Every structure is written in C-alpha cells, then in structure tokens.
Amino acid sequence: AQPAAAAADAAAPATRREPPPLISGSDDAGRSYASLETLWTEQARHHREYYAANERWWDEDGYGGGSDEEAMIGDGGSEEDIEHSLRLLDALKARRPALAFGSALDGGSGVGRVTKHVLLRRFE
C-alpha cells in the first residue's frame, strides 16, 4: 500500500512544461547564447565539471577557511550598506507614518545579513 501523499502524487495529472522565454544573451565568460534553452543545455552538458570544480574549491579552503559575512561578501562595506538601508526605511516611514512594516521578504541569495541587520530591526 502507498502512503496517502504518494498515492495523491501518482493520481495528479502530468503537467506540461512551459518553454523558456525567448531571450538571448551571454554568460560571464563572454560566450553568446541564442536562447535560454541553449544556455541551459550547455550548462547541463558541463554539470559534473561544475560540481567537481566547486568541491575542489571548498576542499582548498574556499573563502580562505572563513565562513563569516566578511569572508563571503568580501567587500568590507557591509556596515555602510546596512546603515544606508536603515536610514532609507526610516525616511520612508517618516514620510508615510501610516505605512505598516508588518512583513518583509529578503529575495537575495546571500548570507542573511540584510535579514539579520535590517529587516529584523524594522519589521514585525
């Protein structure tokens, strides 16, 4: 017997995959791609190489052995960014006092410094 969740998944209709948007461009190495699908195909061909390179990088100490914010973002300007963001939110609130800072979403892919140092200080 299948668990209920597995049975529900098996009964779900197959979904049709939408084609990627029709865009072209180049990657950070200057290689041009006629479409997003072409880029994805090329990336898929090198999947194992990318993961092997990533593993070697971490084995060789990655961020110099550090795992703190400075090691990961490496710009040393984090405090200034945080202060600017806090001042921006404070100015916005001052101009619109009825504005409620109830929820926030950090859509970045960083180490969580915006959430930790800005959003948690200003949002409920």
Foldseek 3Di string as FASTA:
>chain_A
DDPPVVVVVVPDDDDDDDDDDQDWDADPVGDTDRGPVRVVVVCVVCVVVVVVVVVVCVVVCNLVVDDDQCSFVVPVCLVVVLVVLQVVVVVVCVVPVVDAQADDDDPDDGDCCCVVRPSVVRYD
